[in-house]
Amino acid sequence: MAEISALVKGLRLVILHNLTPLEVSIDCEEIIKYLKDDHPPYSNILFDCRDIIK
């Protein structure tokens, strides 16, 4: 899913450029659901998102 990839790329840029604190707004309900619970086809990329967000 392109939206998840875009989220990860954006989060990595935030970390790279030390742009914290950060507030993320997402309008894709699927990503929000996937971040709350796991979704096997996207498990690895969701793990990356959760790890960066911590």
PDB file of N, CA and C in Angstrom:
ATOM      1  N   MET A   1       0.847  -1.172   0.000  1.00  0.00           N
ATOM      2  CA  MET A   1       0.000   0.000   0.000  1.00  0.00           C
ATOM      3  C   MET A   1       0.897   1.241   0.000  1.00  0.00           C
ATOM      4  N   ALA A   2       0.670   2.111  -0.937  1.00  0.00           N
ATOM      5  CA  ALA A   2       1.502   3.304  -1.115  1.00  0.00           C
ATOM      6  C   ALA A   2       1.453   4.235   0.090  1.00  0.00           C
ATOM      7  N   GLU A   3       0.305   4.309   0.749  1.00  0.00           N
ATOM      8  CA  GLU A   3       0.166   5.209   1.897  1.00  0.00           C
ATOM      9  C   GLU A   3       1.083   4.802   3.043  1.00  0.00           C
ATOM     10  N   ILE A   4       1.220   3.509   3.268  1.00  0.00           N
ATOM     11  CA  ILE A   4       2.099   3.031   4.338  1.00  0.00           C
ATOM     12  C   ILE A   4       3.547   3.344   3.997  1.00  0.00           C
ATOM     13  N   SER A   5       3.935   3.122   2.755  1.00  0.00           N
ATOM     14  CA  SER A   5       5.301   3.429   2.330  1.00  0.00           C
ATOM     15  C   SER A   5       5.600   4.912   2.484  1.00  0.00           C
ATOM     16  N   ALA A   6       4.652   5.745   2.120  1.00  0.00           N
ATOM     17  CA  ALA A   6       4.837   7.194   2.258  1.00  0.00           C
ATOM     18  C   ALA A   6       4.979   7.587   3.726  1.00  0.00           C
ATOM     19  N   LEU A   7       4.202   6.962   4.594  1.00  0.00           N
ATOM     20  CA  LEU A   7       4.297   7.245   6.026  1.00  0.00           C
ATOM     21  C   LEU A   7       5.682   6.893   6.552  1.00  0.00           C
ATOM     22  N   VAL A   8       6.176   5.719   6.205  1.00  0.00           N
ATOM     23  CA  VAL A   8       7.499   5.293   6.671  1.00  0.00           C
ATOM     24  C   VAL A   8       8.577   6.227   6.143  1.00  0.00           C
ATOM     25  N   LYS A   9       8.516   6.579   4.872  1.00  0.00           N
ATOM     26  CA  LYS A   9       9.515   7.491   4.305  1.00  0.00           C
ATOM     27  C   LYS A   9       9.488   8.834   5.021  1.00  0.00           C
ATOM     28  N   GLY A  10       8.293   9.336   5.286  1.00  0.00           N
ATOM     29  CA  GLY A  10       8.170  10.606   6.000  1.00  0.00           C
ATOM     30  C   GLY A  10       8.720  10.522   7.409  1.00  0.00           C
ATOM     31  N   LEU A  11       8.417   9.434   8.109  1.00  0.00           N
ATOM     32  CA  LEU A  11       8.923   9.261   9.469  1.00  0.00           C
ATOM     33  C   LEU A  11      10.441   9.144   9.483  1.00  0.00           C
ATOM     34  N   ARG A  12      10.994   8.470   8.505  1.00  0.00           N
ATOM     35  CA  ARG A  12      12.461   8.355   8.431  1.00  0.00           C
ATOM     36  C   ARG A  12      13.109   9.713   8.181  1.00  0.00           C
ATOM     37  N   LEU A  13      12.478  10.546   7.364  1.00  0.00           N
ATOM     38  CA  LEU A  13      12.995  11.900   7.142  1.00  0.00           C
ATOM     39  C   LEU A  13      12.945  12.725   8.424  1.00  0.00           C
ATOM     40  N   VAL A  14      11.891  12.553   9.182  1.00  0.00           N
ATOM     41  CA  VAL A  14      11.766  13.254  10.466  1.00  0.00           C
ATOM     42  C   VAL A  14      12.926  12.881  11.381  1.00  0.00           C
ATOM     43  N   ILE A  15      13.219  11.596  11.472  1.00  0.00           N
ATOM     44  CA  ILE A  15      14.322  11.132  12.313  1.00  0.00           C
ATOM     45  C   ILE A  15      15.651  11.637  11.773  1.00  0.00           C
ATOM     46  N   LEU A  16      15.845  11.531  10.475  1.00  0.00           N
ATOM     47  CA  LEU A  16      17.098  11.951   9.848  1.00  0.00           C
ATOM     48  C   LEU A  16      17.398  13.421  10.120  1.00  0.00           C
ATOM     49  N   HIS A  17      16.377  14.255  10.057  1.00  0.00           N
ATOM     50  CA  HIS A  17      16.564  15.700  10.221  1.00  0.00           C
ATOM     51  C   HIS A  17      16.202  16.188  11.623  1.00  0.00           C
ATOM     52  N   ASN A  18      15.965  15.235  12.534  1.00  0.00           N
ATOM     53  CA  ASN A  18      15.671  15.550  13.938  1.00  0.00           C
ATOM     54  C   ASN A  18      14.541  16.570  14.079  1.00  0.00           C
ATOM     55  N   LEU A  19      13.451  16.311  13.400  1.00  0.00           N
ATOM     56  CA  LEU A  19      12.299  17.210  13.396  1.00  0.00           C
ATOM     57  C   LEU A  19      11.270  16.763  14.431  1.00  0.00           C
ATOM     58  N   THR A  20      11.654  16.851  15.688  1.00  0.00           N
ATOM     59  CA  THR A  20      10.743  16.440  16.749  1.00  0.00           C
ATOM     60  C   THR A  20      10.517  17.601  17.688  1.00  0.00           C
ATOM     61  N   PRO A  21       9.429  17.681  18.386  1.00  0.00           N
ATOM     62  CA  PRO A  21       8.305  16.748  18.410  1.00  0.00           C
ATOM     63  C   PRO A  21       7.517  16.801  17.106  1.00  0.00           C
ATOM     64  N   LEU A  22       6.710  15.803  16.902  1.00  0.00           N
ATOM     65  CA  LEU A  22       5.999  15.651  15.644  1.00  0.00           C
ATOM     66  C   LEU A  22       4.571  15.197  15.896  1.00  0.00           C
ATOM     67  N   GLU A  23       3.665  15.722  15.121  1.00  0.00           N
ATOM     68  CA  GLU A  23       2.280  15.255  15.135  1.00  0.00           C
ATOM     69  C   GLU A  23       1.958  14.773  13.733  1.00  0.00           C
ATOM     70  N   VAL A  24       1.460  13.559  13.630  1.00  0.00           N
ATOM     71  CA  VAL A  24       1.144  12.966  12.337  1.00  0.00           C
ATOM     72  C   VAL A  24      -0.366  12.879  12.186  1.00  0.00           C
ATOM     73  N   SER A  25      -0.863  13.360  11.069  1.00  0.00           N
ATOM     74  CA  SER A  25      -2.286  13.232  10.746  1.00  0.00           C
ATOM     75  C   SER A  25      -2.416  12.320   9.540  1.00  0.00           C
ATOM     76  N   ILE A  26      -3.265  11.319   9.664  1.00  0.00           N
ATOM     77  CA  ILE A  26      -3.465  10.356   8.582  1.00  0.00           C
ATOM     78  C   ILE A  26      -4.958  10.262   8.308  1.00  0.00           C
ATOM     79  N   ASP A  27      -5.329  10.368   7.041  1.00  0.00           N
ATOM     80  CA  ASP A  27      -6.746  10.254   6.706  1.00  0.00           C
ATOM     81  C   ASP A  27      -7.105   8.889   6.122  1.00  0.00           C
ATOM     82  N   CYS A  28      -6.150   8.002   6.079  1.00  0.00           N
ATOM     83  CA  CYS A  28      -6.397   6.653   5.568  1.00  0.00           C
ATOM     84  C   CYS A  28      -6.766   5.748   6.747  1.00  0.00           C
ATOM     85  N   GLU A  29      -8.044   5.432   6.856  1.00  0.00           N
ATOM     86  CA  GLU A  29      -8.523   4.631   7.984  1.00  0.00           C
ATOM     87  C   GLU A  29      -7.854   3.261   8.057  1.00  0.00           C
ATOM     88  N   GLU A  30      -7.503   2.708   6.902  1.00  0.00           N
ATOM     89  CA  GLU A  30      -6.858   1.395   6.896  1.00  0.00           C
ATOM     90  C   GLU A  30      -5.531   1.436   7.638  1.00  0.00           C
ATOM     91  N   ILE A  31      -4.733   2.462   7.399  1.00  0.00           N
ATOM     92  CA  ILE A  31      -3.435   2.564   8.069  1.00  0.00           C
ATOM     93  C   ILE A  31      -3.632   2.688   9.573  1.00  0.00           C
ATOM     94  N   ILE A  32      -4.588   3.483   9.980  1.00  0.00           N
ATOM     95  CA  ILE A  32      -4.856   3.647  11.407  1.00  0.00           C
ATOM     96  C   ILE A  32      -5.222   2.303  12.027  1.00  0.00           C
ATOM     97  N   LYS A  33      -6.080   1.549  11.368  1.00  0.00           N
ATOM     98  CA  LYS A  33      -6.453   0.215  11.861  1.00  0.00           C
ATOM     99  C   LYS A  33      -5.236  -0.703  11.898  1.00  0.00           C
ATOM    100  N   TYR A  34      -4.426  -0.663  10.837  1.00  0.00           N
ATOM    101  CA  TYR A  34      -3.256  -1.530  10.761  1.00  0.00           C
ATOM    102  C   TYR A  34      -2.237  -1.193  11.840  1.00  0.00           C
ATOM    103  N   LEU A  35      -2.101   0.088  12.176  1.00  0.00           N
ATOM    104  CA  LEU A  35      -1.153   0.478  13.217  1.00  0.00           C
ATOM    105  C   LEU A  35      -1.623   0.028  14.596  1.00  0.00           C
ATOM    106  N   LYS A  36      -2.926  -0.026  14.790  1.00  0.00           N
ATOM    107  CA  LYS A  36      -3.466  -0.475  16.075  1.00  0.00           C
ATOM    108  C   LYS A  36      -3.352  -1.987  16.216  1.00  0.00           C
ATOM    109  N   ASP A  37      -3.646  -2.703  15.162  1.00  0.00           N
ATOM    110  CA  ASP A  37      -3.565  -4.161  15.128  1.00  0.00           C
ATOM    111  C   ASP A  37      -2.649  -4.523  13.971  1.00  0.00           C
ATOM    112  N   ASP A  38      -2.194  -5.739  13.961  1.00  0.00           N
ATOM    113  CA  ASP A  38      -1.293  -6.140  12.887  1.00  0.00           C
ATOM    114  C   ASP A  38      -2.075  -6.597  11.664  1.00  0.00           C
ATOM    115  N   HIS A  39      -1.448  -6.469  10.514  1.00  0.00           N
ATOM    116  CA  HIS A  39      -2.026  -6.928   9.257  1.00  0.00           C
ATOM    117  C   HIS A  39      -0.893  -7.622   8.498  1.00  0.00           C
ATOM    118  N   PRO A  40      -0.900  -8.960   8.456  1.00  0.00           N
ATOM    119  CA  PRO A  40       0.237  -9.741   7.962  1.00  0.00           C
ATOM    120  C   PRO A  40       0.928  -9.275   6.677  1.00  0.00           C
ATOM    121  N   PRO A  41       0.236  -8.899   5.626  1.00  0.00           N
ATOM    122  CA  PRO A  41       1.002  -8.501   4.440  1.00  0.00           C
ATOM    123  C   PRO A  41       1.894  -7.277   4.666  1.00  0.00           C
ATOM    124  N   TYR A  42       1.566  -6.487   5.673  1.00  0.00           N
ATOM    125  CA  TYR A  42       2.317  -5.255   5.927  1.00  0.00           C
ATOM    126  C   TYR A  42       3.026  -5.281   7.276  1.00  0.00           C
ATOM    127  N   SER A  43       3.193  -6.441   7.865  1.00  0.00           N
ATOM    128  CA  SER A  43       3.750  -6.547   9.219  1.00  0.00           C
ATOM    129  C   SER A  43       5.091  -5.847   9.373  1.00  0.00           C
ATOM    130  N   ASN A  44       6.006  -6.075   8.441  1.00  0.00           N
ATOM    131  CA  ASN A  44       7.346  -5.493   8.567  1.00  0.00           C
ATOM    132  C   ASN A  44       7.322  -3.976   8.508  1.00  0.00           C
ATOM    133  N   ILE A  45       6.614  -3.427   7.557  1.00  0.00           N
ATOM    134  CA  ILE A  45       6.577  -1.978   7.408  1.00  0.00           C
ATOM    135  C   ILE A  45       5.799  -1.331   8.559  1.00  0.00           C
ATOM    136  N   LEU A  46       4.771  -2.012   9.062  1.00  0.00           N
ATOM    137  CA  LEU A  46       4.038  -1.503  10.220  1.00  0.00           C
ATOM    138  C   LEU A  46       4.920  -1.527  11.462  1.00  0.00           C
ATOM    139  N   PHE A  47       5.741  -2.555  11.586  1.00  0.00           N
ATOM    140  CA  PHE A  47       6.690  -2.617  12.698  1.00  0.00           C
ATOM    141  C   PHE A  47       7.634  -1.425  12.634  1.00  0.00           C
ATOM    142  N   ASP A  48       8.132  -1.109  11.437  1.00  0.00           N
ATOM    143  CA  ASP A  48       9.015   0.053  11.266  1.00  0.00           C
ATOM    144  C   ASP A  48       8.318   1.335  11.702  1.00  0.00           C
ATOM    145  N   CYS A  49       7.073   1.507  11.290  1.00  0.00           N
ATOM    146  CA  CYS A  49       6.305   2.703  11.675  1.00  0.00           C
ATOM    147  C   CYS A  49       6.178   2.801  13.184  1.00  0.00           C
ATOM    148  N   ARG A  50       5.770   1.714  13.799  1.00  0.00           N
ATOM    149  CA  ARG A  50       5.581   1.725  15.257  1.00  0.00           C
ATOM    150  C   ARG A  50       6.893   1.995  15.975  1.00  0.00           C
ATOM    151  N   ASP A  51       7.977   1.426  15.468  1.00  0.00           N
ATOM    152  CA  ASP A  51       9.291   1.610  16.080  1.00  0.00           C
ATOM    153  C   ASP A  51       9.729   3.073  16.002  1.00  0.00           C
ATOM    154  N   ILE A  52       9.500   3.704  14.882  1.00  0.00           N
ATOM    155  CA  ILE A  52       9.885   5.106  14.703  1.00  0.00           C
ATOM    156  C   ILE A  52       9.013   6.013  15.563  1.00  0.00           C
ATOM    157  N   ILE A  53       7.733   5.702  15.654  1.00  0.00           N
ATOM    158  CA  ILE A  53       6.799   6.547  16.393  1.00  0.00           C
ATOM    159  C   ILE A  53       7.088   6.535  17.893  1.00  0.00           C
ATOM    160  N   LYS A  54       7.618   5.451  18.415  1.00  0.00           N
ATOM    161  CA  LYS A  54       7.873   5.345  19.866  1.00  0.00           C
ATOM    162  C   LYS A  54       8.751   6.447  20.374  1.00  0.00           C
TER     163      LYS A  54
END
